[in-house]
Protein backbone atom coordinates (compact mmCIF):
# COMPACT_ATOMS: atom_id res chain seq x y z
CA MET A 1 12.23 28.94 -8.20
CA ALA A 2 13.75 31.11 -10.95
CA VAL A 3 16.26 29.68 -13.40
CA GLU A 4 18.73 32.22 -14.71
CA LYS A 5 21.36 31.76 -17.42
CA THR A 6 23.68 34.45 -18.65
CA TYR A 7 24.44 35.10 -22.32
CA GLN A 8 28.02 34.12 -21.54
CA GLU A 9 26.94 30.72 -20.14
CA ILE A 10 24.71 30.03 -23.13
CA ASN A 11 27.38 31.14 -25.61
CA GLU A 12 29.90 28.81 -23.97
CA ARG A 13 27.47 25.90 -24.28
CA ILE A 14 26.95 26.77 -27.96
CA LYS A 15 30.74 26.85 -28.57
CA LYS A 16 31.14 23.46 -26.89
CA GLY A 17 28.25 21.99 -28.90
CA GLN A 18 26.30 21.37 -25.69
CA ALA A 19 23.48 23.89 -26.09
CA VAL A 20 19.93 22.59 -26.17
CA VAL A 21 18.08 24.35 -28.99
CA VAL A 22 14.36 23.83 -29.64
CA THR A 23 11.70 25.45 -31.78
CA ALA A 24 8.89 27.46 -30.21
CA GLU A 25 6.49 24.66 -31.19
CA GLU A 26 8.65 22.04 -29.46
CA LEU A 27 8.88 24.23 -26.38
CA VAL A 28 5.10 24.28 -25.92
CA SER A 29 4.95 20.48 -25.96
CA MET A 30 7.87 20.19 -23.56
CA VAL A 31 6.31 22.60 -21.07
CA LYS A 32 3.02 20.68 -21.14
CA GLU A 33 4.89 17.45 -20.45
CA LYS A 34 7.58 18.56 -17.98
CA GLY A 35 6.53 21.94 -16.59
CA ILE A 36 8.05 25.37 -17.11
CA THR A 37 10.71 25.19 -14.37
CA ARG A 38 12.24 21.94 -15.60
CA VAL A 39 12.18 23.01 -19.26
CA THR A 40 13.70 26.40 -18.40
CA SER A 41 16.64 24.64 -16.78
CA GLU A 42 17.07 22.20 -19.71
CA VAL A 43 16.69 24.50 -22.75
CA ASP A 44 19.26 27.13 -23.74
CA VAL A 45 17.87 28.60 -26.98
CA VAL A 46 14.39 28.80 -28.51
CA THR A 47 14.11 29.46 -32.23
CA THR A 48 11.05 31.24 -33.57
CA GLY A 49 11.59 30.97 -37.31
CA THR A 50 12.00 28.22 -39.84
CA PHE A 51 14.79 27.43 -42.25
CA GLY A 52 12.47 26.35 -45.08
CA PRO A 53 11.87 29.76 -46.68
CA MET A 54 15.59 30.50 -46.73
CA CYS A 55 16.28 27.21 -48.51
CA PHE A 56 13.85 28.22 -51.24
CA ILE A 57 15.34 31.72 -51.57
CA LEU A 58 18.90 30.37 -51.75
CA LYS A 59 17.97 27.82 -54.41
CA GLU A 60 16.31 30.47 -56.57
CA HIS A 61 19.35 32.79 -56.63
């Protein structure tokens, strides 16, 4: 069973503060625990970067 979400649906959830956002690392653990179909329906956005390097850059400038 395919789970499809449009950009518009995801953007609305973001605006309402209801979007589920996880890191790529968290996603792997969630899929192992719950399965891909369930996680696909629960998660709206997957981040692939970290904020840490930007914090360092901003502090230095």
